């Protein structure tokens, strides 16, 4: 009788351990897939802005603005809203809302400073979301690599 109890306990324990292991593996796969979708959406959402930062004197800004106004970019924005982390979605929304509201305003210097700050915040939130949660960087640190006189914005 004792060996039957030992056998049943062993089998049940094995089944429970297998089920827990399987569940953990499935959760990891789901998280990896979600992270992959997020990264893809993040890169695509940033592409026009990277184009603006790398080609300020050429056709980059015009092409980037045209891209942001396309159906494809709207689709990418929708994917970001679905797959992005809460903080990234909020940062992107703040950035875009500021850009919408500041069109045609007089105070270009203040507008530029705030726009760079919000863009840096978006980049920082993406950085945190893809694994650098304890980063010590600030918003403008995310743009320091490209903007020569960034200290004027600080």
N, C-alpha and C. Protein backbone atom coordinates (compact mmCIF):
# COMPACT_ATOMS: atom_id res chain seq x y z
N UNK A 1 0.81 -1.20 0.00
CA UNK A 1 0.00 0.00 0.00
C UNK A 1 0.85 1.27 0.00
N UNK A 2 1.97 1.21 0.75
CA UNK A 2 2.85 2.37 0.83
C UNK A 2 3.48 2.69 -0.52
N UNK A 3 3.86 1.67 -1.27
CA UNK A 3 4.50 1.91 -2.55
C UNK A 3 3.52 2.54 -3.54
N UNK A 4 2.21 2.24 -3.41
CA UNK A 4 1.19 2.85 -4.27
C UNK A 4 1.09 4.35 -3.96
N UNK A 5 1.10 4.69 -2.69
CA UNK A 5 1.04 6.11 -2.30
C UNK A 5 2.29 6.84 -2.80
N UNK A 6 3.44 6.21 -2.69
CA UNK A 6 4.68 6.82 -3.16
C UNK A 6 4.62 7.02 -4.67
N UNK A 7 4.13 6.02 -5.39
CA UNK A 7 4.01 6.10 -6.83
C UNK A 7 3.04 7.21 -7.24
N UNK A 8 1.88 7.26 -6.59
CA UNK A 8 0.87 8.29 -6.90
C UNK A 8 1.43 9.68 -6.60
N UNK A 9 2.09 9.83 -5.46
CA UNK A 9 2.67 11.12 -5.08
C UNK A 9 3.74 11.55 -6.08
N UNK A 10 4.57 10.61 -6.49
CA UNK A 10 5.63 10.90 -7.45
C UNK A 10 5.05 11.31 -8.80
N UNK A 11 4.07 10.56 -9.27
CA UNK A 11 3.44 10.87 -10.56
C UNK A 11 2.74 12.23 -10.50
N UNK A 12 1.96 12.44 -9.44
CA UNK A 12 1.27 13.74 -9.30
C UNK A 12 2.27 14.88 -9.19
N UNK A 13 3.34 14.68 -8.43
CA UNK A 13 4.38 15.70 -8.31
C UNK A 13 5.02 16.00 -9.65
N UNK A 14 5.29 14.95 -10.41
CA UNK A 14 5.87 15.12 -11.75
C UNK A 14 4.94 15.88 -12.67
N UNK A 15 3.65 15.55 -12.62
CA UNK A 15 2.67 16.24 -13.47
C UNK A 15 2.59 17.72 -13.08
N UNK A 16 2.56 18.00 -11.79
CA UNK A 16 2.48 19.38 -11.32
C UNK A 16 3.73 20.15 -11.73
N UNK A 17 4.90 19.55 -11.56
CA UNK A 17 6.15 20.22 -11.96
C UNK A 17 6.16 20.44 -13.47
N UNK A 18 5.74 19.45 -14.25
CA UNK A 18 5.68 19.61 -15.70
C UNK A 18 4.74 20.75 -16.08
N UNK A 19 3.56 20.81 -15.45
CA UNK A 19 2.58 21.85 -15.76
C UNK A 19 3.14 23.24 -15.43
N UNK A 20 3.77 23.37 -14.29
CA UNK A 20 4.35 24.66 -13.89
C UNK A 20 5.46 25.06 -14.86
N UNK A 21 6.32 24.12 -15.20
CA UNK A 21 7.41 24.39 -16.14
C UNK A 21 6.86 24.80 -17.50
N UNK A 22 5.87 24.07 -17.98
CA UNK A 22 5.25 24.38 -19.26
C UNK A 22 4.64 25.78 -19.23
N UNK A 23 3.95 26.11 -18.15
CA UNK A 23 3.33 27.44 -18.03
C UNK A 23 4.38 28.54 -18.04
N UNK A 24 5.47 28.33 -17.34
CA UNK A 24 6.54 29.33 -17.30
C UNK A 24 7.14 29.52 -18.69
N UNK A 25 7.36 28.42 -19.39
CA UNK A 25 7.92 28.50 -20.75
C UNK A 25 6.97 29.25 -21.67
N UNK A 26 5.69 28.97 -21.58
CA UNK A 26 4.70 29.66 -22.42
C UNK A 26 4.64 31.15 -22.10
N UNK A 27 4.71 31.51 -20.85
CA UNK A 27 4.71 32.92 -20.45
C UNK A 27 5.95 33.62 -21.01
N UNK A 28 7.09 32.96 -20.92
CA UNK A 28 8.32 33.54 -21.47
C UNK A 28 8.22 33.73 -22.98
N UNK A 29 7.68 32.74 -23.68
CA UNK A 29 7.52 32.86 -25.13
C UNK A 29 6.60 34.03 -25.48
N UNK A 30 5.53 34.17 -24.73
CA UNK A 30 4.59 35.27 -24.97
C UNK A 30 5.25 36.62 -24.73
N UNK A 31 6.03 36.72 -23.65
CA UNK A 31 6.74 37.97 -23.35
C UNK A 31 7.77 38.29 -24.43
N UNK A 32 8.49 37.26 -24.89
CA UNK A 32 9.48 37.46 -25.95
C UNK A 32 8.81 37.95 -27.23
N UNK A 33 7.68 37.36 -27.57
CA UNK A 33 6.95 37.78 -28.77
C UNK A 33 6.46 39.22 -28.63
N UNK A 34 5.94 39.55 -27.46
CA UNK A 34 5.49 40.92 -27.21
C UNK A 34 6.65 41.90 -27.29
N UNK A 35 7.78 41.54 -26.70
CA UNK A 35 8.96 42.41 -26.77
C UNK A 35 9.44 42.58 -28.21
N UNK A 36 9.37 41.52 -28.99
CA UNK A 36 9.74 41.60 -30.40
C UNK A 36 8.81 42.56 -31.14
N UNK A 37 7.51 42.45 -30.89
CA UNK A 37 6.55 43.35 -31.52
C UNK A 37 6.77 44.80 -31.09
N UNK A 38 7.07 44.98 -29.80
CA UNK A 38 7.34 46.33 -29.29
C UNK A 38 8.56 46.94 -29.97
N UNK A 39 9.64 46.20 -30.00
CA UNK A 39 10.87 46.72 -30.61
C UNK A 39 10.65 47.09 -32.06
N UNK A 40 9.93 46.25 -32.77
CA UNK A 40 9.65 46.52 -34.18
C UNK A 40 8.83 47.82 -34.31
N UNK A 41 7.81 47.95 -33.49
CA UNK A 41 6.98 49.16 -33.52
C UNK A 41 7.80 50.39 -33.12
N UNK A 42 8.66 50.25 -32.12
CA UNK A 42 9.48 51.38 -31.67
C UNK A 42 10.40 51.87 -32.78
N UNK A 43 11.07 50.95 -33.45
CA UNK A 43 11.98 51.34 -34.53
C UNK A 43 11.20 52.01 -35.66
N UNK A 44 10.09 51.44 -36.03
CA UNK A 44 9.30 52.01 -37.12
C UNK A 44 8.72 53.38 -36.76
N UNK A 45 8.31 53.55 -35.52
CA UNK A 45 7.72 54.82 -35.11
C UNK A 45 8.78 55.92 -35.06
N UNK A 46 10.03 55.55 -34.78
CA UNK A 46 11.11 56.53 -34.68
C UNK A 46 11.78 56.85 -36.02
N UNK A 47 11.58 56.02 -37.02
CA UNK A 47 12.27 56.18 -38.30
C UNK A 47 12.16 57.59 -38.90
N UNK A 48 10.98 58.20 -38.99
CA UNK A 48 10.93 59.55 -39.57
C UNK A 48 11.71 60.58 -38.76
N UNK A 49 11.72 60.43 -37.45
CA UNK A 49 12.43 61.38 -36.60
C UNK A 49 13.93 61.20 -36.69
N UNK A 50 14.37 59.98 -36.88
CA UNK A 50 15.79 59.72 -37.11
C UNK A 50 16.20 60.36 -38.43
N UNK A 51 15.32 60.26 -39.42
CA UNK A 51 15.59 60.87 -40.72
C UNK A 51 15.71 62.39 -40.58
N UNK A 52 14.87 62.99 -39.78
CA UNK A 52 14.94 64.44 -39.57
C UNK A 52 16.27 64.81 -38.91
N UNK A 53 16.67 64.06 -37.89
CA UNK A 53 17.90 64.36 -37.16
C UNK A 53 19.17 64.13 -37.98
N UNK A 54 19.10 63.27 -38.96
CA UNK A 54 20.30 62.96 -39.73
C UNK A 54 20.41 63.74 -41.03
N UNK A 55 19.36 64.40 -41.46
CA UNK A 55 19.41 65.13 -42.74
C UNK A 55 18.68 66.47 -42.59
N UNK A 56 19.22 67.35 -41.75
CA UNK A 56 18.55 68.62 -41.46
C UNK A 56 18.56 69.59 -42.64
N UNK A 57 19.52 69.48 -43.53
CA UNK A 57 19.64 70.45 -44.63
C UNK A 57 19.09 69.92 -45.95
N UNK A 58 18.84 68.63 -46.02
CA UNK A 58 18.38 68.05 -47.27
C UNK A 58 16.87 67.86 -47.29
N UNK A 59 16.46 66.80 -47.92
CA UNK A 59 15.03 66.51 -48.06
C UNK A 59 14.49 65.69 -46.89
N UNK A 60 15.34 65.33 -45.97
CA UNK A 60 14.95 64.49 -44.84
C UNK A 60 13.73 64.99 -44.09
N UNK A 61 13.75 66.26 -43.62
CA UNK A 61 12.60 66.74 -42.85
C UNK A 61 11.29 66.68 -43.63
N UNK A 62 11.31 67.08 -44.90
CA UNK A 62 10.08 67.06 -45.70
C UNK A 62 9.60 65.64 -45.92
N UNK A 63 10.52 64.74 -46.26
CA UNK A 63 10.14 63.34 -46.46
C UNK A 63 9.62 62.72 -45.17
N UNK A 64 10.25 63.08 -44.06
CA UNK A 64 9.83 62.52 -42.77
C UNK A 64 8.43 63.00 -42.41
N UNK A 65 8.17 64.28 -42.61
CA UNK A 65 6.84 64.83 -42.31
C UNK A 65 5.80 64.16 -43.20
N UNK A 66 6.13 63.97 -44.46
CA UNK A 66 5.20 63.29 -45.37
C UNK A 66 4.95 61.86 -44.90
N UNK A 67 6.00 61.18 -44.42
CA UNK A 67 5.85 59.79 -43.95
C UNK A 67 4.92 59.73 -42.75
N UNK A 68 5.05 60.68 -41.82
CA UNK A 68 4.23 60.69 -40.61
C UNK A 68 2.75 60.86 -40.96
N UNK A 69 2.47 61.43 -42.12
CA UNK A 69 1.09 61.68 -42.52
C UNK A 69 0.49 60.55 -43.37
N UNK A 70 1.19 59.42 -43.48
CA UNK A 70 0.71 58.32 -44.31
C UNK A 70 -0.14 57.33 -43.52
N UNK A 71 -0.86 56.53 -44.26
CA UNK A 71 -1.65 55.44 -43.66
C UNK A 71 -0.74 54.46 -42.94
N UNK A 72 0.40 54.12 -43.56
CA UNK A 72 1.32 53.16 -42.96
C UNK A 72 1.80 53.63 -41.59
N UNK A 73 2.12 54.92 -41.49
CA UNK A 73 2.59 55.44 -40.21
C UNK A 73 1.45 55.43 -39.19
N UNK A 74 0.25 55.71 -39.64
CA UNK A 74 -0.91 55.62 -38.75
C UNK A 74 -1.09 54.20 -38.22
N UNK A 75 -0.84 53.25 -39.09
CA UNK A 75 -0.93 51.84 -38.69
C UNK A 75 0.15 51.51 -37.66
N UNK A 76 1.35 52.01 -37.87
CA UNK A 76 2.45 51.80 -36.91
C UNK A 76 2.10 52.44 -35.57
N UNK A 77 1.51 53.64 -35.61
CA UNK A 77 1.11 54.32 -34.38
C UNK A 77 0.06 53.49 -33.63
N UNK A 78 -0.83 52.89 -34.38
CA UNK A 78 -1.85 52.03 -33.78
C UNK A 78 -1.20 50.81 -33.13
N UNK A 79 -0.22 50.21 -33.81
CA UNK A 79 0.51 49.07 -33.24
C UNK A 79 1.23 49.48 -31.97
N UNK A 80 1.80 50.68 -31.97
CA UNK A 80 2.47 51.18 -30.77
C UNK A 80 1.49 51.27 -29.62
N UNK A 81 0.30 51.78 -29.89
CA UNK A 81 -0.72 51.89 -28.85
C UNK A 81 -1.12 50.51 -28.31
N UNK A 82 -1.10 49.50 -29.16
CA UNK A 82 -1.47 48.15 -28.73
C UNK A 82 -0.34 47.43 -28.01
N UNK A 83 0.88 47.52 -28.54
CA UNK A 83 1.98 46.72 -28.04
C UNK A 83 2.94 47.46 -27.13
N UNK A 84 2.97 48.78 -27.20
CA UNK A 84 3.92 49.55 -26.41
C UNK A 84 3.58 49.53 -24.93
N UNK A 85 4.59 49.75 -24.12
CA UNK A 85 4.35 49.83 -22.68
C UNK A 85 3.55 51.10 -22.39
N UNK A 86 2.94 51.15 -21.23
CA UNK A 86 2.14 52.32 -20.85
C UNK A 86 2.97 53.59 -20.91
N UNK A 87 4.18 53.55 -20.36
CA UNK A 87 5.02 54.75 -20.32
C UNK A 87 5.46 55.21 -21.71
N UNK A 88 5.73 54.27 -22.60
CA UNK A 88 6.11 54.63 -23.96
C UNK A 88 4.92 55.24 -24.69
N UNK A 89 3.76 54.66 -24.54
CA UNK A 89 2.57 55.20 -25.19
C UNK A 89 2.28 56.60 -24.68
N UNK A 90 2.37 56.81 -23.38
CA UNK A 90 2.15 58.15 -22.81
C UNK A 90 3.17 59.16 -23.35
N UNK A 91 4.43 58.76 -23.39
CA UNK A 91 5.49 59.66 -23.87
C UNK A 91 5.27 59.99 -25.35
N UNK A 92 4.90 59.00 -26.14
CA UNK A 92 4.64 59.24 -27.56
C UNK A 92 3.44 60.17 -27.74
N UNK A 93 2.40 59.94 -26.96
CA UNK A 93 1.22 60.80 -27.04
C UNK A 93 1.54 62.24 -26.66
N UNK A 94 2.34 62.43 -25.59
CA UNK A 94 2.74 63.78 -25.19
C UNK A 94 3.53 64.46 -26.30
N UNK A 95 4.46 63.73 -26.87
CA UNK A 95 5.29 64.26 -27.95
C UNK A 95 4.44 64.68 -29.14
N UNK A 96 3.56 63.80 -29.56
CA UNK A 96 2.71 64.10 -30.72
C UNK A 96 1.72 65.22 -30.44
N UNK A 97 1.12 65.21 -29.25
CA UNK A 97 0.16 66.27 -28.90
C UNK A 97 0.85 67.63 -28.88
N UNK A 98 2.05 67.68 -28.35
CA UNK A 98 2.78 68.94 -28.33
C UNK A 98 3.06 69.41 -29.75
N UNK A 99 3.47 68.48 -30.61
CA UNK A 99 3.74 68.82 -32.01
C UNK A 99 2.47 69.32 -32.70
N UNK A 100 1.32 68.68 -32.44
CA UNK A 100 0.06 69.12 -33.04
C UNK A 100 -0.29 70.54 -32.58
N UNK A 101 -0.18 70.78 -31.30
CA UNK A 101 -0.63 72.04 -30.71
C UNK A 101 0.32 73.20 -30.97
N UNK A 102 1.59 72.91 -31.24
CA UNK A 102 2.57 73.99 -31.37
C UNK A 102 2.75 74.47 -32.80
N UNK A 103 2.04 73.92 -33.73
CA UNK A 103 2.16 74.38 -35.12
C UNK A 103 1.73 75.84 -35.22
N UNK A 104 2.57 76.62 -35.84
CA UNK A 104 2.24 78.02 -36.08
C UNK A 104 2.47 78.94 -34.89
N UNK A 105 2.99 78.43 -33.80
CA UNK A 105 3.24 79.29 -32.64
C UNK A 105 4.47 80.14 -32.87
N UNK A 106 4.52 81.26 -32.19
CA UNK A 106 5.59 82.24 -32.36
C UNK A 106 6.90 81.85 -31.68
N UNK A 107 6.84 81.31 -30.50
CA UNK A 107 8.03 81.09 -29.68
C UNK A 107 8.77 79.83 -30.13
N UNK A 108 9.49 79.95 -31.23
CA UNK A 108 10.17 78.79 -31.81
C UNK A 108 11.24 78.21 -30.89
N UNK A 109 12.01 79.06 -30.19
CA UNK A 109 13.08 78.55 -29.33
C UNK A 109 12.51 77.72 -28.19
N UNK A 110 11.47 78.23 -27.54
CA UNK A 110 10.82 77.50 -26.46
C UNK A 110 10.18 76.22 -27.00
N UNK A 111 9.58 76.35 -28.18
CA UNK A 111 8.93 75.21 -28.81
C UNK A 111 9.96 74.12 -29.11
N UNK A 112 11.10 74.50 -29.65
CA UNK A 112 12.14 73.53 -29.98
C UNK A 112 12.66 72.85 -28.72
N UNK A 113 12.88 73.62 -27.68
CA UNK A 113 13.38 73.06 -26.42
C UNK A 113 12.40 72.01 -25.88
N UNK A 114 11.14 72.34 -25.82
CA UNK A 114 10.13 71.41 -25.30
C UNK A 114 9.99 70.19 -26.20
N UNK A 115 10.04 70.41 -27.50
CA UNK A 115 9.91 69.30 -28.44
C UNK A 115 11.08 68.32 -28.29
N UNK A 116 12.31 68.83 -28.15
CA UNK A 116 13.46 67.96 -27.94
C UNK A 116 13.36 67.24 -26.60
N UNK A 117 12.90 67.95 -25.58
CA UNK A 117 12.73 67.32 -24.27
C UNK A 117 11.74 66.15 -24.37
N UNK A 118 10.60 66.38 -25.02
CA UNK A 118 9.58 65.33 -25.15
C UNK A 118 10.06 64.17 -26.02
N UNK A 119 10.83 64.48 -27.05
CA UNK A 119 11.39 63.41 -27.89
C UNK A 119 12.40 62.60 -27.08
N UNK A 120 13.23 63.28 -26.30
CA UNK A 120 14.18 62.60 -25.43
C UNK A 120 13.48 61.73 -24.40
N UNK A 121 12.35 62.22 -23.91
CA UNK A 121 11.56 61.44 -22.95
C UNK A 121 11.03 60.17 -23.61
N UNK A 122 10.56 60.28 -24.83
CA UNK A 122 10.09 59.11 -25.58
C UNK A 122 11.23 58.10 -25.75
N UNK A 123 12.39 58.57 -26.17
CA UNK A 123 13.54 57.67 -26.33
C UNK A 123 13.93 57.01 -25.01
N UNK A 124 13.89 57.78 -23.95
CA UNK A 124 14.24 57.25 -22.63
C UNK A 124 13.25 56.18 -22.17
N UNK A 125 11.96 56.40 -22.41
CA UNK A 125 10.96 55.40 -22.04
C UNK A 125 11.11 54.13 -22.87
N UNK A 126 11.46 54.28 -24.13
CA UNK A 126 11.71 53.10 -24.97
C UNK A 126 12.92 52.35 -24.43
N UNK A 127 13.97 53.10 -24.09
CA UNK A 127 15.18 52.48 -23.52
C UNK A 127 14.83 51.68 -22.27
N UNK A 128 14.03 52.25 -21.40
CA UNK A 128 13.64 51.55 -20.18
C UNK A 128 12.82 50.30 -20.50
N UNK A 129 11.93 50.44 -21.46
CA UNK A 129 11.03 49.33 -21.77
C UNK A 129 11.76 48.13 -22.38
N UNK A 130 12.83 48.38 -23.10
CA UNK A 130 13.53 47.26 -23.75
C UNK A 130 14.62 46.66 -22.87
N UNK A 131 14.66 47.06 -21.60
CA UNK A 131 15.54 46.36 -20.67
C UNK A 131 16.46 47.20 -19.82
N UNK A 132 16.55 48.49 -20.05
CA UNK A 132 17.44 49.35 -19.26
C UNK A 132 16.64 50.12 -18.22
N UNK A 133 15.93 49.39 -17.38
CA UNK A 133 15.01 50.00 -16.42
C UNK A 133 15.68 50.93 -15.42
N UNK A 134 16.92 50.65 -15.07
CA UNK A 134 17.60 51.44 -14.05
C UNK A 134 18.54 52.49 -14.64
N UNK A 135 18.29 52.89 -15.87
CA UNK A 135 19.16 53.87 -16.52
C UNK A 135 19.23 55.17 -15.72
N UNK A 136 20.37 55.78 -15.74
CA UNK A 136 20.58 57.05 -15.04
C UNK A 136 20.54 58.23 -16.02
N UNK A 137 20.34 57.95 -17.29
CA UNK A 137 20.30 59.01 -18.29
C UNK A 137 19.08 59.89 -18.11
N UNK A 138 19.19 61.11 -18.59
CA UNK A 138 18.08 62.07 -18.59
C UNK A 138 17.59 62.23 -20.03
N UNK A 139 16.49 62.97 -20.17
CA UNK A 139 15.85 63.13 -21.48
C UNK A 139 16.81 63.66 -22.54
N UNK A 140 17.51 64.75 -22.22
CA UNK A 140 18.39 65.35 -23.22
C UNK A 140 19.66 64.53 -23.45
N UNK A 141 20.02 63.66 -22.51
CA UNK A 141 21.15 62.75 -22.73
C UNK A 141 20.88 61.84 -23.91
N UNK A 142 19.64 61.54 -24.17
CA UNK A 142 19.27 60.66 -25.26
C UNK A 142 19.51 61.31 -26.63
N UNK A 143 19.67 62.63 -26.66
CA UNK A 143 19.87 63.36 -27.92
C UNK A 143 21.26 63.97 -28.02
N UNK A 144 22.03 63.88 -26.96
CA UNK A 144 23.35 64.52 -26.91
C UNK A 144 24.26 64.04 -28.03
N UNK A 145 24.09 62.84 -28.49
CA UNK A 145 24.91 62.26 -29.56
C UNK A 145 24.74 62.99 -30.89
N UNK A 146 23.63 63.71 -31.05
CA UNK A 146 23.33 64.30 -32.35
C UNK A 146 23.28 65.82 -32.34
N UNK A 147 22.95 66.41 -31.22
CA UNK A 147 22.75 67.87 -31.18
C UNK A 147 24.01 68.52 -30.60
N UNK A 148 24.69 69.28 -31.44
CA UNK A 148 25.98 69.87 -31.08
C UNK A 148 25.88 70.83 -29.89
N UNK A 149 24.94 71.75 -29.93
CA UNK A 149 24.82 72.77 -28.88
C UNK A 149 23.66 72.49 -27.93
N UNK A 150 23.56 71.25 -27.52
CA UNK A 150 22.43 70.83 -26.67
C UNK A 150 22.42 71.54 -25.31
N UNK A 151 23.59 71.97 -24.86
CA UNK A 151 23.63 72.66 -23.57
C UNK A 151 22.79 73.93 -23.58
N UNK A 152 22.52 74.49 -24.73
CA UNK A 152 21.64 75.67 -24.83
C UNK A 152 20.21 75.31 -24.47
N UNK A 153 19.85 74.04 -24.61
CA UNK A 153 18.49 73.61 -24.28
C UNK A 153 18.32 73.31 -22.81
N UNK A 154 19.44 73.16 -22.09
CA UNK A 154 19.37 72.77 -20.68
C UNK A 154 19.13 73.98 -19.79
